[in-house]
N, C-alpha and C. Protein backbone atom coordinates (compact mmCIF):
# COMPACT_ATOMS: atom_id res chain seq x y z
N UNK A 1 0.82 -1.18 0.00
CA UNK A 1 0.00 0.00 0.00
C UNK A 1 0.88 1.26 0.00
N UNK A 2 1.93 1.26 0.81
CA UNK A 2 2.82 2.41 0.87
C UNK A 2 3.55 2.61 -0.46
N UNK A 3 3.89 1.50 -1.14
CA UNK A 3 4.61 1.63 -2.40
C UNK A 3 3.74 2.32 -3.46
N UNK A 4 2.44 2.05 -3.44
CA UNK A 4 1.53 2.73 -4.38
C UNK A 4 1.48 4.23 -4.10
N UNK A 5 1.41 4.59 -2.84
CA UNK A 5 1.33 6.02 -2.50
C UNK A 5 2.64 6.73 -2.85
N UNK A 6 3.76 6.08 -2.61
CA UNK A 6 5.05 6.68 -2.97
C UNK A 6 5.13 6.85 -4.48
N UNK A 7 4.74 5.81 -5.20
CA UNK A 7 4.72 5.90 -6.67
C UNK A 7 3.80 7.02 -7.13
N UNK A 8 2.62 7.13 -6.54
CA UNK A 8 1.67 8.19 -6.89
C UNK A 8 2.26 9.57 -6.65
N UNK A 9 2.96 9.74 -5.53
CA UNK A 9 3.59 11.03 -5.24
C UNK A 9 4.69 11.36 -6.24
N UNK A 10 5.47 10.36 -6.61
CA UNK A 10 6.54 10.57 -7.60
C UNK A 10 5.93 10.97 -8.95
N UNK A 11 4.90 10.25 -9.38
CA UNK A 11 4.26 10.55 -10.65
C UNK A 11 3.60 11.93 -10.60
N UNK A 12 2.98 12.28 -9.48
CA UNK A 12 2.37 13.60 -9.34
C UNK A 12 3.43 14.70 -9.47
N UNK A 13 4.56 14.52 -8.84
CA UNK A 13 5.63 15.50 -8.96
C UNK A 13 6.14 15.63 -10.38
N UNK A 14 6.32 14.49 -11.05
CA UNK A 14 6.78 14.52 -12.43
C UNK A 14 5.73 15.16 -13.35
N UNK A 15 4.46 14.85 -13.11
CA UNK A 15 3.39 15.41 -13.94
C UNK A 15 3.31 16.92 -13.77
N UNK A 16 3.42 17.40 -12.55
CA UNK A 16 3.37 18.84 -12.31
C UNK A 16 4.59 19.54 -12.93
N UNK A 17 5.74 18.92 -12.84
CA UNK A 17 6.93 19.49 -13.46
C UNK A 17 6.79 19.51 -14.99
N UNK A 18 6.17 18.47 -15.53
CA UNK A 18 5.94 18.39 -16.98
C UNK A 18 4.99 19.50 -17.44
N UNK A 19 3.91 19.71 -16.68
CA UNK A 19 2.96 20.77 -17.03
C UNK A 19 3.64 22.13 -16.91
N UNK A 20 4.41 22.33 -15.84
CA UNK A 20 5.11 23.60 -15.67
C UNK A 20 6.08 23.85 -16.81
N UNK A 21 6.78 22.82 -17.26
CA UNK A 21 7.70 23.01 -18.38
C UNK A 21 6.95 23.25 -19.68
N UNK A 22 5.74 22.70 -19.81
CA UNK A 22 4.95 22.94 -21.02
C UNK A 22 4.52 24.40 -21.11
N UNK A 23 4.28 25.02 -19.96
CA UNK A 23 3.92 26.43 -19.97
C UNK A 23 5.10 27.31 -20.38
N UNK A 24 6.31 26.79 -20.32
CA UNK A 24 7.50 27.55 -20.70
C UNK A 24 7.77 27.52 -22.21
N UNK A 25 7.03 26.71 -22.94
CA UNK A 25 7.22 26.62 -24.40
C UNK A 25 6.85 27.96 -25.02
N UNK A 26 7.77 28.49 -25.79
CA UNK A 26 7.52 29.77 -26.45
C UNK A 26 6.87 29.53 -27.80
N UNK A 27 5.88 30.33 -28.09
CA UNK A 27 5.17 30.20 -29.36
C UNK A 27 5.45 31.43 -30.22
N UNK A 28 5.51 31.21 -31.50
CA UNK A 28 5.67 32.33 -32.42
C UNK A 28 4.30 32.75 -32.91
N UNK A 29 4.25 33.82 -33.66
CA UNK A 29 2.98 34.28 -34.17
C UNK A 29 2.47 33.39 -35.31
N UNK A 30 3.29 32.48 -35.81
CA UNK A 30 2.89 31.56 -36.88
C UNK A 30 2.76 30.13 -36.35
N UNK A 31 2.12 29.95 -35.22
CA UNK A 31 1.99 28.60 -34.67
C UNK A 31 0.73 27.93 -35.18
N UNK A 32 0.63 26.64 -34.93
CA UNK A 32 -0.53 25.86 -35.33
C UNK A 32 -1.76 26.30 -34.54
N UNK A 33 -2.97 26.00 -35.03
CA UNK A 33 -4.18 26.42 -34.32
C UNK A 33 -4.27 25.89 -32.88
N UNK A 34 -3.83 24.67 -32.67
CA UNK A 34 -3.88 24.09 -31.34
C UNK A 34 -2.76 24.65 -30.47
N UNK A 35 -1.62 24.92 -31.08
CA UNK A 35 -0.48 25.44 -30.35
C UNK A 35 0.36 24.32 -29.77
N UNK A 36 1.64 24.58 -29.51
CA UNK A 36 2.52 23.52 -29.02
C UNK A 36 2.35 23.21 -27.54
N UNK A 37 1.63 24.04 -26.80
CA UNK A 37 1.48 23.82 -25.36
C UNK A 37 0.34 22.87 -25.01
N UNK A 38 -0.68 22.81 -25.84
CA UNK A 38 -1.91 22.11 -25.49
C UNK A 38 -1.69 20.63 -25.20
N UNK A 39 -1.00 19.93 -26.07
CA UNK A 39 -0.84 18.48 -25.91
C UNK A 39 -0.02 18.12 -24.66
N UNK A 40 1.14 18.76 -24.42
CA UNK A 40 1.88 18.43 -23.20
C UNK A 40 1.09 18.76 -21.92
N UNK A 41 0.35 19.86 -21.95
CA UNK A 41 -0.45 20.21 -20.77
C UNK A 41 -1.52 19.16 -20.54
N UNK A 42 -2.16 18.69 -21.61
CA UNK A 42 -3.19 17.65 -21.50
C UNK A 42 -2.60 16.36 -20.94
N UNK A 43 -1.46 15.94 -21.46
CA UNK A 43 -0.82 14.70 -21.00
C UNK A 43 -0.43 14.82 -19.53
N UNK A 44 0.19 15.94 -19.15
CA UNK A 44 0.59 16.15 -17.76
C UNK A 44 -0.59 16.19 -16.81
N UNK A 45 -1.69 16.80 -17.26
CA UNK A 45 -2.89 16.88 -16.42
C UNK A 45 -3.50 15.50 -16.19
N UNK A 46 -3.57 14.70 -17.24
CA UNK A 46 -4.10 13.34 -17.11
C UNK A 46 -3.22 12.51 -16.18
N UNK A 47 -1.91 12.65 -16.31
CA UNK A 47 -0.98 11.93 -15.42
C UNK A 47 -1.16 12.37 -13.97
N UNK A 48 -1.37 13.66 -13.75
CA UNK A 48 -1.58 14.17 -12.39
C UNK A 48 -2.87 13.61 -11.79
N UNK A 49 -3.93 13.60 -12.58
CA UNK A 49 -5.21 13.06 -12.09
C UNK A 49 -5.09 11.57 -11.77
N UNK A 50 -4.41 10.83 -12.67
CA UNK A 50 -4.23 9.39 -12.43
C UNK A 50 -3.41 9.14 -11.17
N UNK A 51 -2.39 9.98 -10.94
CA UNK A 51 -1.57 9.79 -9.74
C UNK A 51 -2.35 10.09 -8.48
N UNK A 52 -3.28 11.03 -8.55
CA UNK A 52 -4.13 11.32 -7.38
C UNK A 52 -4.99 10.12 -7.02
N UNK A 53 -5.50 9.42 -8.04
CA UNK A 53 -6.28 8.21 -7.78
C UNK A 53 -5.43 7.14 -7.09
N UNK A 54 -4.17 7.03 -7.51
CA UNK A 54 -3.28 6.04 -6.89
C UNK A 54 -2.97 6.43 -5.44
N UNK A 55 -2.80 7.72 -5.18
CA UNK A 55 -2.52 8.18 -3.82
C UNK A 55 -3.73 8.00 -2.92
N UNK A 56 -4.90 8.37 -3.41
CA UNK A 56 -6.12 8.33 -2.60
C UNK A 56 -6.60 6.90 -2.35
N UNK A 57 -6.55 6.08 -3.39
CA UNK A 57 -7.06 4.71 -3.26
C UNK A 57 -6.00 3.71 -3.74
N UNK A 58 -4.99 3.45 -2.92
CA UNK A 58 -3.94 2.50 -3.33
C UNK A 58 -4.45 1.07 -3.27
N UNK A 59 -3.77 0.21 -3.99
CA UNK A 59 -4.09 -1.21 -3.98
C UNK A 59 -3.70 -1.78 -2.62
N UNK A 60 -4.60 -2.57 -2.03
CA UNK A 60 -4.33 -3.13 -0.70
C UNK A 60 -3.16 -4.11 -0.72
N UNK A 61 -3.03 -4.87 -1.80
CA UNK A 61 -1.96 -5.86 -1.89
C UNK A 61 -1.34 -5.78 -3.28
N UNK A 62 -0.47 -4.79 -3.53
CA UNK A 62 0.07 -4.62 -4.87
C UNK A 62 1.02 -5.75 -5.26
N UNK A 63 0.95 -6.15 -6.52
CA UNK A 63 1.86 -7.16 -7.07
C UNK A 63 2.77 -6.46 -8.08
N UNK A 64 4.06 -6.51 -7.83
CA UNK A 64 5.00 -5.90 -8.75
C UNK A 64 5.26 -6.85 -9.92
N UNK A 65 5.42 -6.30 -11.11
CA UNK A 65 5.64 -7.15 -12.28
C UNK A 65 7.01 -7.83 -12.24
N UNK A 66 7.12 -8.90 -13.03
CA UNK A 66 8.39 -9.61 -13.11
C UNK A 66 9.36 -8.88 -14.04
N UNK A 67 10.56 -9.40 -14.16
CA UNK A 67 11.59 -8.72 -14.94
C UNK A 67 11.27 -8.66 -16.44
N UNK A 68 10.48 -9.60 -16.92
CA UNK A 68 10.09 -9.59 -18.33
C UNK A 68 9.26 -8.35 -18.65
N UNK A 69 8.37 -8.00 -17.74
CA UNK A 69 7.54 -6.80 -17.94
C UNK A 69 8.42 -5.55 -17.92
N UNK A 70 9.39 -5.50 -17.01
CA UNK A 70 10.29 -4.36 -16.98
C UNK A 70 11.11 -4.28 -18.27
N UNK A 71 11.47 -5.42 -18.84
CA UNK A 71 12.17 -5.43 -20.12
C UNK A 71 11.32 -4.87 -21.24
N UNK A 72 10.03 -5.25 -21.25
CA UNK A 72 9.11 -4.73 -22.26
C UNK A 72 8.94 -3.22 -22.10
N UNK A 73 8.87 -2.76 -20.86
CA UNK A 73 8.77 -1.32 -20.61
C UNK A 73 10.02 -0.59 -21.08
N UNK A 74 11.17 -1.19 -20.86
CA UNK A 74 12.43 -0.57 -21.32
C UNK A 74 12.46 -0.47 -22.84
N UNK A 75 12.01 -1.51 -23.53
CA UNK A 75 11.94 -1.47 -24.99
C UNK A 75 11.00 -0.37 -25.45
N UNK A 76 9.86 -0.24 -24.79
CA UNK A 76 8.89 0.80 -25.16
C UNK A 76 9.48 2.19 -24.95
N UNK A 77 10.14 2.41 -23.82
CA UNK A 77 10.72 3.72 -23.54
C UNK A 77 11.84 4.04 -24.54
N UNK A 78 12.71 3.09 -24.80
CA UNK A 78 13.79 3.31 -25.75
C UNK A 78 13.25 3.56 -27.16
N UNK A 79 12.19 2.86 -27.53
CA UNK A 79 11.56 3.08 -28.84
C UNK A 79 11.01 4.49 -28.95
N UNK A 80 10.36 4.96 -27.88
CA UNK A 80 9.79 6.30 -27.91
C UNK A 80 10.86 7.39 -27.91
N UNK A 81 11.97 7.14 -27.24
CA UNK A 81 13.09 8.10 -27.29
C UNK A 81 13.66 8.16 -28.70
N UNK A 82 13.88 7.00 -29.30
CA UNK A 82 14.37 6.96 -30.68
C UNK A 82 13.38 7.62 -31.63
N UNK A 83 12.10 7.44 -31.38
CA UNK A 83 11.04 8.06 -32.18
C UNK A 83 11.15 9.58 -32.16
N UNK A 84 11.39 10.12 -30.98
CA UNK A 84 11.47 11.58 -30.89
C UNK A 84 12.65 12.13 -31.69
N UNK A 85 13.74 11.37 -31.76
CA UNK A 85 14.89 11.80 -32.55
C UNK A 85 14.69 11.54 -34.04
N UNK A 86 13.84 10.59 -34.40
CA UNK A 86 13.66 10.22 -35.80
C UNK A 86 12.63 11.08 -36.52
N UNK A 87 11.79 11.79 -35.79
CA UNK A 87 10.72 12.56 -36.43
C UNK A 87 11.25 13.63 -37.39
N UNK A 88 12.22 14.39 -36.96
CA UNK A 88 12.70 15.49 -37.81
C UNK A 88 13.40 15.00 -39.07
N UNK A 89 14.34 14.07 -38.97
CA UNK A 89 15.02 13.67 -40.22
C UNK A 89 14.18 12.77 -41.14
N UNK A 90 13.21 12.03 -40.60
CA UNK A 90 12.48 11.06 -41.43
C UNK A 90 11.01 11.40 -41.64
N UNK A 91 10.51 12.46 -41.02
CA UNK A 91 9.10 12.81 -41.16
C UNK A 91 8.24 12.04 -40.17
N UNK A 92 6.92 12.19 -40.28
CA UNK A 92 6.00 11.61 -39.31
C UNK A 92 5.63 10.16 -39.61
N UNK A 93 5.37 9.84 -40.84
CA UNK A 93 4.73 8.57 -41.19
C UNK A 93 5.62 7.35 -40.92
N UNK A 94 6.85 7.35 -41.40
CA UNK A 94 7.70 6.16 -41.26
C UNK A 94 8.08 5.89 -39.80
N UNK A 95 8.61 6.88 -39.04
CA UNK A 95 8.92 6.58 -37.64
C UNK A 95 7.70 6.18 -36.81
N UNK A 96 6.55 6.81 -37.08
CA UNK A 96 5.34 6.45 -36.35
C UNK A 96 4.91 5.03 -36.67
N UNK A 97 5.02 4.62 -37.92
CA UNK A 97 4.65 3.25 -38.29
C UNK A 97 5.57 2.24 -37.60
N UNK A 98 6.86 2.53 -37.54
CA UNK A 98 7.81 1.61 -36.92
C UNK A 98 7.56 1.48 -35.43
N UNK A 99 7.43 2.62 -34.74
CA UNK A 99 7.23 2.58 -33.29
C UNK A 99 5.87 1.99 -32.93
N UNK A 100 4.85 2.34 -33.69
CA UNK A 100 3.53 1.76 -33.43
C UNK A 100 3.55 0.25 -33.65
N UNK A 101 4.33 -0.22 -34.62
CA UNK A 101 4.46 -1.66 -34.85
C UNK A 101 5.15 -2.34 -33.67
N UNK A 102 6.21 -1.71 -33.15
CA UNK A 102 6.92 -2.27 -32.00
C UNK A 102 6.00 -2.36 -30.80
N UNK A 103 5.28 -1.28 -30.53
CA UNK A 103 4.39 -1.27 -29.37
C UNK A 103 3.21 -2.23 -29.56
N UNK A 104 2.70 -2.32 -30.77
CA UNK A 104 1.61 -3.27 -31.05
C UNK A 104 2.08 -4.71 -30.87
N UNK A 105 3.31 -4.99 -31.29
CA UNK A 105 3.86 -6.33 -31.14
C UNK A 105 3.98 -6.70 -29.66
N UNK A 106 4.30 -5.73 -28.83
CA UNK A 106 4.39 -6.01 -27.40
C UNK A 106 3.03 -6.34 -26.80
N UNK A 107 1.98 -5.75 -27.35
CA UNK A 107 0.64 -6.05 -26.85
C UNK A 107 0.15 -7.43 -27.31
N UNK A 108 0.38 -7.72 -28.58
CA UNK A 108 -0.01 -9.01 -29.14
C UNK A 108 1.08 -9.45 -30.10
N UNK A 109 1.92 -10.39 -29.69
CA UNK A 109 3.09 -10.75 -30.51
C UNK A 109 2.76 -11.54 -31.77
N UNK A 110 2.16 -10.84 -32.72
CA UNK A 110 1.91 -11.40 -34.05
C UNK A 110 2.46 -10.38 -35.05
N UNK A 111 3.52 -10.76 -35.75
CA UNK A 111 4.28 -9.82 -36.57
C UNK A 111 3.42 -9.12 -37.63
N UNK A 112 2.64 -9.87 -38.38
CA UNK A 112 1.87 -9.28 -39.47
C UNK A 112 0.84 -8.30 -38.92
N UNK A 113 0.13 -8.69 -37.87
CA UNK A 113 -0.86 -7.78 -37.28
C UNK A 113 -0.21 -6.54 -36.69
N UNK A 114 0.96 -6.70 -36.10
CA UNK A 114 1.66 -5.55 -35.52
C UNK A 114 2.07 -4.56 -36.60
N UNK A 115 2.59 -5.06 -37.70
CA UNK A 115 3.00 -4.18 -38.80
C UNK A 115 1.78 -3.49 -39.41
N UNK A 116 0.70 -4.23 -39.62
CA UNK A 116 -0.51 -3.62 -40.16
C UNK A 116 -1.08 -2.56 -39.21
N UNK A 117 -1.05 -2.85 -37.92
CA UNK A 117 -1.52 -1.88 -36.94
C UNK A 117 -0.64 -0.63 -36.95
N UNK A 118 0.67 -0.83 -37.05
CA UNK A 118 1.59 0.31 -37.09
C UNK A 118 1.35 1.19 -38.30
N UNK A 119 1.18 0.58 -39.46
CA UNK A 119 0.93 1.35 -40.68
C UNK A 119 -0.42 2.05 -40.59
N UNK A 120 -1.43 1.34 -40.13
CA UNK A 120 -2.76 1.94 -40.00
C UNK A 120 -2.78 3.11 -39.02
N UNK A 121 -2.13 2.93 -37.87
CA UNK A 121 -2.08 4.02 -36.89
C UNK A 121 -1.32 5.22 -37.45
N UNK A 122 -0.22 4.95 -38.11
CA UNK A 122 0.59 6.03 -38.66
C UNK A 122 -0.20 6.85 -39.67
N UNK A 123 -0.80 6.19 -40.62
CA UNK A 123 -1.57 6.90 -41.65
C UNK A 123 -2.81 7.57 -41.06
N UNK A 124 -3.50 6.87 -40.16
CA UNK A 124 -4.70 7.44 -39.54
C UNK A 124 -4.38 8.67 -38.71
N UNK A 125 -3.33 8.60 -37.90
CA UNK A 125 -2.95 9.75 -37.09
C UNK A 125 -2.49 10.91 -37.96
N UNK A 126 -1.77 10.60 -39.04
CA UNK A 126 -1.32 11.66 -39.93
C UNK A 126 -2.52 12.39 -40.54
N UNK A 127 -3.50 11.65 -40.98
CA UNK A 127 -4.70 12.27 -41.57
C UNK A 127 -5.43 13.12 -40.54
N UNK A 128 -5.58 12.59 -39.33
CA UNK A 128 -6.28 13.35 -38.28
C UNK A 128 -5.50 14.62 -37.93
N UNK A 129 -4.20 14.48 -37.66
CA UNK A 129 -3.41 15.63 -37.25
C UNK A 129 -3.27 16.67 -38.36
N UNK A 130 -3.05 16.22 -39.59
CA UNK A 130 -2.79 17.14 -40.70
C UNK A 130 -4.07 17.81 -41.20
N UNK A 131 -5.11 17.01 -41.41
CA UNK A 131 -6.29 17.55 -42.07
C UNK A 131 -7.42 17.92 -41.11
N UNK A 132 -7.64 17.14 -40.08
CA UNK A 132 -8.73 17.45 -39.15
C UNK A 132 -8.31 18.53 -38.15
N UNK A 133 -7.07 18.44 -37.63
CA UNK A 133 -6.62 19.42 -36.65
C UNK A 133 -5.81 20.56 -37.26
N UNK A 134 -5.41 20.41 -38.52
CA UNK A 134 -4.70 21.46 -39.21
C UNK A 134 -3.26 21.66 -38.75
N UNK A 135 -2.65 20.62 -38.18
CA UNK A 135 -1.26 20.76 -37.74
C UNK A 135 -0.31 20.69 -38.92
N UNK A 136 0.80 21.37 -38.81
CA UNK A 136 1.77 21.43 -39.89
C UNK A 136 2.75 20.26 -39.76
N UNK A 137 2.33 19.08 -40.15
CA UNK A 137 3.18 17.88 -40.08
C UNK A 137 3.83 17.61 -41.43
N UNK A 138 5.04 17.12 -41.37
CA UNK A 138 5.73 16.68 -42.58
C UNK A 138 5.59 15.16 -42.63
N UNK A 139 4.94 14.67 -43.68
CA UNK A 139 4.68 13.25 -43.81
C UNK A 139 5.96 12.43 -44.00
N UNK A 140 6.75 12.85 -44.95
CA UNK A 140 8.01 12.19 -45.25
C UNK A 140 9.12 13.22 -45.26
N UNK A 141 10.32 12.79 -44.97
CA UNK A 141 11.46 13.71 -44.94
C UNK A 141 11.71 14.24 -46.33
N UNK A 142 11.80 15.56 -46.44
CA UNK A 142 11.99 16.15 -47.76
C UNK A 142 13.41 15.95 -48.28
N UNK A 143 14.39 15.80 -47.38
CA UNK A 143 15.77 15.63 -47.87
C UNK A 143 15.96 14.27 -48.53
N UNK A 144 15.12 13.29 -48.20
CA UNK A 144 15.22 11.96 -48.80
C UNK A 144 14.45 11.90 -50.12
N UNK A 145 13.50 12.81 -50.28
CA UNK A 145 12.62 12.75 -51.45
C UNK A 145 13.11 13.62 -52.60
N UNK A 146 14.23 14.31 -52.41
CA UNK A 146 14.81 15.08 -53.50
C UNK A 146 14.51 16.49 -53.33
């Protein structure tokens, strides 16, 4: 029970720091309609609310995951870090398809379904972000396309 509350406090601190840093993002007069601050603030707020639930109502008998689960989490975190570095040089579609495939494979280890899910998520998110939300996304890296 104490481990859940400690974890909740740590996540709450990180979420508040994340939201505070999102407010520090400087915007130019030519920013997207949603703006660069909205998404990080939303993510940080959801994390803060979730951490409050963990603090207020902890699990009476928490079970910590085995090392295999921690390995899967490490792969997911490393994939997302690599994704953040790959967006600028390679555009949105290819890195998103690769990372979504990796994460999908971790949920259900079937290679073909994971690749199809990655491609579908990548294209679907690109269409939503580019055309429905009007964000200025680059689909493919222009330096590779000539």
